[in-house]
Amino acid sequence: MIGNIGLPELIIIFLIVLFLFGAGKIPKIARDIGGGIREFKKSITGESDSNDRNNNQNGGSGRTS
């Protein structure tokens, strides 16, 4: 069912979203969603915690020599 979404259906969905939110808000919504996905990935992998620890141990340089 869901796997059968083609180009015409995507265009209709895009037009509905454009009508509901307006052209000005769509880039902001996309940025917010992208930022949320990045934060989610960082929390899953633990990147931000290990990077913060390395910066604090090395005086903020970020290098681990």
PDB file of N, CA and C in Angstrom:
ATOM      1  N   MET A   1       0.816  -1.197   0.000  1.00  0.00           N
ATOM      2  CA  MET A   1       0.000   0.000   0.000  1.00  0.00           C
ATOM      3  C   MET A   1       0.860   1.263   0.000  1.00  0.00           C
ATOM      4  N   ILE A   2       1.687   1.424   1.013  1.00  0.00           N
ATOM      5  CA  ILE A   2       2.477   2.643   1.132  1.00  0.00           C
ATOM      6  C   ILE A   2       3.602   2.651   0.101  1.00  0.00           C
ATOM      7  N   GLY A   3       4.109   1.491  -0.288  1.00  0.00           N
ATOM      8  CA  GLY A   3       5.191   1.412  -1.245  1.00  0.00           C
ATOM      9  C   GLY A   3       4.801   1.807  -2.651  1.00  0.00           C
ATOM     10  N   ASN A   4       3.530   2.011  -2.911  1.00  0.00           N
ATOM     11  CA  ASN A   4       3.064   2.348  -4.250  1.00  0.00           C
ATOM     12  C   ASN A   4       2.882   3.849  -4.458  1.00  0.00           C
ATOM     13  N   ILE A   5       3.631   4.669  -3.729  1.00  0.00           N
ATOM     14  CA  ILE A   5       3.523   6.117  -3.891  1.00  0.00           C
ATOM     15  C   ILE A   5       4.403   6.525  -5.060  1.00  0.00           C
ATOM     16  N   GLY A   6       3.793   7.130  -6.047  1.00  0.00           N
ATOM     17  CA  GLY A   6       4.512   7.558  -7.239  1.00  0.00           C
ATOM     18  C   GLY A   6       4.653   9.060  -7.286  1.00  0.00           C
ATOM     19  N   LEU A   7       5.140   9.553  -8.403  1.00  0.00           N
ATOM     20  CA  LEU A   7       5.363  10.984  -8.580  1.00  0.00           C
ATOM     21  C   LEU A   7       4.070  11.802  -8.481  1.00  0.00           C
ATOM     22  N   PRO A   8       2.973  11.369  -9.101  1.00  0.00           N
ATOM     23  CA  PRO A   8       1.752  12.178  -8.965  1.00  0.00           C
ATOM     24  C   PRO A   8       1.271  12.313  -7.514  1.00  0.00           C
ATOM     25  N   GLU A   9       1.389  11.235  -6.759  1.00  0.00           N
ATOM     26  CA  GLU A   9       0.967  11.294  -5.354  1.00  0.00           C
ATOM     27  C   GLU A   9       1.868  12.220  -4.540  1.00  0.00           C
ATOM     28  N   LEU A  10       3.188  12.173  -4.811  1.00  0.00           N
ATOM     29  CA  LEU A  10       4.116  13.055  -4.099  1.00  0.00           C
ATOM     30  C   LEU A  10       3.849  14.519  -4.418  1.00  0.00           C
ATOM     31  N   ILE A  11       3.510  14.803  -5.662  1.00  0.00           N
ATOM     32  CA  ILE A  11       3.183  16.186  -6.053  1.00  0.00           C
ATOM     33  C   ILE A  11       1.927  16.656  -5.321  1.00  0.00           C
ATOM     34  N   ILE A  12       0.934  15.808  -5.232  1.00  0.00           N
ATOM     35  CA  ILE A  12      -0.303  16.171  -4.523  1.00  0.00           C
ATOM     36  C   ILE A  12      -0.011  16.420  -3.045  1.00  0.00           C
ATOM     37  N   ILE A  13       0.791  15.562  -2.430  1.00  0.00           N
ATOM     38  CA  ILE A  13       1.151  15.744  -1.015  1.00  0.00           C
ATOM     39  C   ILE A  13       1.904  17.053  -0.838  1.00  0.00           C
ATOM     40  N   PHE A  14       2.856  17.342  -1.724  1.00  0.00           N
ATOM     41  CA  PHE A  14       3.612  18.588  -1.632  1.00  0.00           C
ATOM     42  C   PHE A  14       2.700  19.801  -1.763  1.00  0.00           C
ATOM     43  N   LEU A  15       1.752  19.759  -2.678  1.00  0.00           N
ATOM     44  CA  LEU A  15       0.832  20.880  -2.856  1.00  0.00           C
ATOM     45  C   LEU A  15      -0.047  21.094  -1.625  1.00  0.00           C
ATOM     46  N   ILE A  16      -0.479  20.004  -1.008  1.00  0.00           N
ATOM     47  CA  ILE A  16      -1.287  20.121   0.217  1.00  0.00           C
ATOM     48  C   ILE A  16      -0.468  20.752   1.332  1.00  0.00           C
ATOM     49  N   VAL A  17       0.787  20.298   1.494  1.00  0.00           N
ATOM     50  CA  VAL A  17       1.660  20.870   2.526  1.00  0.00           C
ATOM     51  C   VAL A  17       1.917  22.337   2.233  1.00  0.00           C
ATOM     52  N   LEU A  18       2.155  22.666   0.979  1.00  0.00           N
ATOM     53  CA  LEU A  18       2.381  24.057   0.598  1.00  0.00           C
ATOM     54  C   LEU A  18       1.159  24.914   0.909  1.00  0.00           C
ATOM     55  N   PHE A  19      -0.007  24.395   0.644  1.00  0.00           N
ATOM     56  CA  PHE A  19      -1.249  25.122   0.918  1.00  0.00           C
ATOM     57  C   PHE A  19      -1.462  25.310   2.414  1.00  0.00           C
ATOM     58  N   LEU A  20      -1.178  24.274   3.214  1.00  0.00           N
ATOM     59  CA  LEU A  20      -1.413  24.354   4.657  1.00  0.00           C
ATOM     60  C   LEU A  20      -0.434  25.273   5.368  1.00  0.00           C
ATOM     61  N   PHE A  21       0.858  25.173   5.029  1.00  0.00           N
ATOM     62  CA  PHE A  21       1.880  25.902   5.785  1.00  0.00           C
ATOM     63  C   PHE A  21       2.362  27.166   5.101  1.00  0.00           C
ATOM     64  N   GLY A  22       2.211  27.282   3.814  1.00  0.00           N
ATOM     65  CA  GLY A  22       2.700  28.450   3.099  1.00  0.00           C
ATOM     66  C   GLY A  22       4.155  28.277   2.699  1.00  0.00           C
ATOM     67  N   ALA A  23       4.565  29.008   1.683  1.00  0.00           N
ATOM     68  CA  ALA A  23       5.914  28.860   1.139  1.00  0.00           C
ATOM     69  C   ALA A  23       6.990  29.350   2.108  1.00  0.00           C
ATOM     70  N   GLY A  24       6.656  30.294   2.960  1.00  0.00           N
ATOM     71  CA  GLY A  24       7.654  30.848   3.878  1.00  0.00           C
ATOM     72  C   GLY A  24       8.032  29.931   5.023  1.00  0.00           C
ATOM     73  N   LYS A  25       7.123  29.085   5.448  1.00  0.00           N
ATOM     74  CA  LYS A  25       7.390  28.245   6.611  1.00  0.00           C
ATOM     75  C   LYS A  25       8.006  26.897   6.265  1.00  0.00           C
ATOM     76  N   ILE A  26       7.919  26.464   5.019  1.00  0.00           N
ATOM     77  CA  ILE A  26       8.421  25.135   4.648  1.00  0.00           C
ATOM     78  C   ILE A  26       9.930  25.010   4.879  1.00  0.00           C
ATOM     79  N   PRO A  27      10.785  25.986   4.496  1.00  0.00           N
ATOM     80  CA  PRO A  27      12.222  25.839   4.780  1.00  0.00           C
ATOM     81  C   PRO A  27      12.527  25.760   6.273  1.00  0.00           C
ATOM     82  N   LYS A  28      11.801  26.520   7.088  1.00  0.00           N
ATOM     83  CA  LYS A  28      12.018  26.475   8.537  1.00  0.00           C
ATOM     84  C   LYS A  28      11.630  25.113   9.100  1.00  0.00           C
ATOM     85  N   ILE A  29      10.521  24.575   8.618  1.00  0.00           N
ATOM     86  CA  ILE A  29      10.084  23.248   9.073  1.00  0.00           C
ATOM     87  C   ILE A  29      11.113  22.201   8.670  1.00  0.00           C
ATOM     88  N   ALA A  30      11.641  22.293   7.443  1.00  0.00           N
ATOM     89  CA  ALA A  30      12.646  21.335   6.976  1.00  0.00           C
ATOM     90  C   ALA A  30      13.921  21.432   7.809  1.00  0.00           C
ATOM     91  N   ARG A  31      14.360  22.653   8.151  1.00  0.00           N
ATOM     92  CA  ARG A  31      15.540  22.826   9.005  1.00  0.00           C
ATOM     93  C   ARG A  31      15.321  22.233  10.375  1.00  0.00           C
ATOM     94  N   ASP A  32      14.147  22.466  10.937  1.00  0.00           N
ATOM     95  CA  ASP A  32      13.844  21.928  12.265  1.00  0.00           C
ATOM     96  C   ASP A  32      13.826  20.401  12.262  1.00  0.00           C
ATOM     97  N   ILE A  33      13.253  19.816  11.227  1.00  0.00           N
ATOM     98  CA  ILE A  33      13.224  18.355  11.131  1.00  0.00           C
ATOM     99  C   ILE A  33      14.641  17.818  10.962  1.00  0.00           C
ATOM    100  N   GLY A  34      15.438  18.460  10.114  1.00  0.00           N
ATOM    101  CA  GLY A  34      16.826  18.038   9.918  1.00  0.00           C
ATOM    102  C   GLY A  34      17.641  18.135  11.194  1.00  0.00           C
ATOM    103  N   GLY A  35      17.458  19.224  11.932  1.00  0.00           N
ATOM    104  CA  GLY A  35      18.162  19.372  13.206  1.00  0.00           C
ATOM    105  C   GLY A  35      17.738  18.322  14.212  1.00  0.00           C
ATOM    106  N   GLY A  36      16.463  17.998  14.230  1.00  0.00           N
ATOM    107  CA  GLY A  36      15.980  16.955  15.136  1.00  0.00           C
ATOM    108  C   GLY A  36      16.555  15.595  14.796  1.00  0.00           C
ATOM    109  N   ILE A  37      16.648  15.298  13.499  1.00  0.00           N
ATOM    110  CA  ILE A  37      17.231  14.016  13.074  1.00  0.00           C
ATOM    111  C   ILE A  37      18.703  13.967  13.452  1.00  0.00           C
ATOM    112  N   ARG A  38      19.444  15.073  13.247  1.00  0.00           N
ATOM    113  CA  ARG A  38      20.861  15.110  13.624  1.00  0.00           C
ATOM    114  C   ARG A  38      21.045  14.885  15.111  1.00  0.00           C
ATOM    115  N   GLU A  39      20.243  15.560  15.926  1.00  0.00           N
ATOM    116  CA  GLU A  39      20.340  15.391  17.378  1.00  0.00           C
ATOM    117  C   GLU A  39      20.015  13.959  17.793  1.00  0.00           C
ATOM    118  N   PHE A  40      19.018  13.367  17.143  1.00  0.00           N
ATOM    119  CA  PHE A  40      18.651  11.986  17.444  1.00  0.00           C
ATOM    120  C   PHE A  40      19.807  11.047  17.117  1.00  0.00           C
ATOM    121  N   LYS A  41      20.436  11.231  15.954  1.00  0.00           N
ATOM    122  CA  LYS A  41      21.570  10.386  15.581  1.00  0.00           C
ATOM    123  C   LYS A  41      22.732  10.564  16.547  1.00  0.00           C
ATOM    124  N   LYS A  42      22.990  11.810  16.953  1.00  0.00           N
ATOM    125  CA  LYS A  42      24.066  12.055  17.910  1.00  0.00           C
ATOM    126  C   LYS A  42      23.790  11.378  19.235  1.00  0.00           C
ATOM    127  N   SER A  43      22.545  11.408  19.683  1.00  0.00           N
ATOM    128  CA  SER A  43      22.222  10.783  20.966  1.00  0.00           C
ATOM    129  C   SER A  43      22.318   9.267  20.881  1.00  0.00           C
ATOM    130  N   ILE A  44      22.012   8.699  19.714  1.00  0.00           N
ATOM    131  CA  ILE A  44      22.117   7.253  19.526  1.00  0.00           C
ATOM    132  C   ILE A  44      23.581   6.820  19.525  1.00  0.00           C
ATOM    133  N   THR A  45      24.434   7.535  18.777  1.00  0.00           N
ATOM    134  CA  THR A  45      25.836   7.139  18.655  1.00  0.00           C
ATOM    135  C   THR A  45      26.683   7.651  19.809  1.00  0.00           C
ATOM    136  N   GLY A  46      26.221   8.655  20.523  1.00  0.00           N
ATOM    137  CA  GLY A  46      26.984   9.203  21.645  1.00  0.00           C
ATOM    138  C   GLY A  46      28.120  10.093  21.194  1.00  0.00           C
ATOM    139  N   GLU A  47      28.048  10.630  19.977  1.00  0.00           N
ATOM    140  CA  GLU A  47      29.120  11.466  19.452  1.00  0.00           C
ATOM    141  C   GLU A  47      29.351  12.718  20.281  1.00  0.00           C
ATOM    142  N   SER A  48      28.294  13.401  20.638  1.00  0.00           N
ATOM    143  CA  SER A  48      28.469  14.676  21.328  1.00  0.00           C
ATOM    144  C   SER A  48      29.120  14.480  22.693  1.00  0.00           C
ATOM    145  N   ASP A  49      28.808  13.401  23.388  1.00  0.00           N
ATOM    146  CA  ASP A  49      29.411  13.150  24.693  1.00  0.00           C
ATOM    147  C   ASP A  49      30.903  12.894  24.564  1.00  0.00           C
ATOM    148  N   SER A  50      31.325  12.061  23.623  1.00  0.00           N
ATOM    149  CA  SER A  50      32.743  11.753  23.479  1.00  0.00           C
ATOM    150  C   SER A  50      33.509  12.967  22.968  1.00  0.00           C
ATOM    151  N   ASN A  51      32.930  13.761  22.071  1.00  0.00           N
ATOM    152  CA  ASN A  51      33.597  14.960  21.579  1.00  0.00           C
ATOM    153  C   ASN A  51      33.759  15.988  22.685  1.00  0.00           C
ATOM    154  N   ASP A  52      32.753  16.154  23.523  1.00  0.00           N
ATOM    155  CA  ASP A  52      32.843  17.094  24.631  1.00  0.00           C
ATOM    156  C   ASP A  52      33.924  16.661  25.605  1.00  0.00           C
ATOM    157  N   ARG A  53      34.015  15.375  25.902  1.00  0.00           N
ATOM    158  CA  ARG A  53      35.042  14.879  26.813  1.00  0.00           C
ATOM    159  C   ARG A  53      36.429  15.099  26.226  1.00  0.00           C
ATOM    160  N   ASN A  54      36.634  14.832  24.940  1.00  0.00           N
ATOM    161  CA  ASN A  54      37.936  15.031  24.308  1.00  0.00           C
ATOM    162  C   ASN A  54      38.328  16.498  24.323  1.00  0.00           C
ATOM    163  N   ASN A  55      37.394  17.393  24.056  1.00  0.00           N
ATOM    164  CA  ASN A  55      37.702  18.821  24.069  1.00  0.00           C
ATOM    165  C   ASN A  55      38.074  19.287  25.460  1.00  0.00           C
ATOM    166  N   ASN A  56      37.414  18.804  26.478  1.00  0.00           N
ATOM    167  CA  ASN A  56      37.710  19.210  27.841  1.00  0.00           C
ATOM    168  C   ASN A  56      39.055  18.664  28.306  1.00  0.00           C
ATOM    169  N   GLN A  57      39.416  17.461  27.910  1.00  0.00           N
ATOM    170  CA  GLN A  57      40.675  16.867  28.327  1.00  0.00           C
ATOM    171  C   GLN A  57      41.856  17.502  27.618  1.00  0.00           C
ATOM    172  N   ASN A  58      41.685  17.956  26.402  1.00  0.00           N
ATOM    173  CA  ASN A  58      42.781  18.509  25.604  1.00  0.00           C
ATOM    174  C   ASN A  58      42.774  20.034  25.566  1.00  0.00           C
ATOM    175  N   GLY A  59      42.134  20.641  26.481  1.00  0.00           N
ATOM    176  CA  GLY A  59      42.095  22.095  26.523  1.00  0.00           C
ATOM    177  C   GLY A  59      41.269  22.725  25.429  1.00  0.00           C
ATOM    178  N   GLY A  60      40.333  21.978  24.894  1.00  0.00           N
ATOM    179  CA  GLY A  60      39.438  22.531  23.886  1.00  0.00           C
ATOM    180  C   GLY A  60      39.952  22.440  22.478  1.00  0.00           C
ATOM    181  N   SER A  61      41.128  21.837  22.255  1.00  0.00           N
ATOM    182  CA  SER A  61      41.665  21.762  20.892  1.00  0.00           C
ATOM    183  C   SER A  61      40.983  20.696  20.066  1.00  0.00           C
ATOM    184  N   GLY A  62      40.452  19.653  20.699  1.00  0.00           N
ATOM    185  CA  GLY A  62      39.765  18.605  19.964  1.00  0.00           C
ATOM    186  C   GLY A  62      40.687  17.539  19.419  1.00  0.00           C
ATOM    187  N   ARG A  63      42.020  17.730  19.608  1.00  0.00           N
ATOM    188  CA  ARG A  63      42.984  16.734  19.114  1.00  0.00           C
ATOM    189  C   ARG A  63      43.329  15.747  20.217  1.00  0.00           C
ATOM    190  N   THR A  64      43.524  14.506  19.818  1.00  0.00           N
ATOM    191  CA  THR A  64      43.908  13.466  20.784  1.00  0.00           C
ATOM    192  C   THR A  64      45.253  12.898  20.384  1.00  0.00           C
ATOM    193  N   SER A  65      46.345  13.598  20.735  1.00  0.00           N
ATOM    194  CA  SER A  65      47.694  13.162  20.362  1.00  0.00           C
ATOM    195  C   SER A  65      48.315  12.317  21.434  1.00  0.00           C
TER     196      SER A  65
END
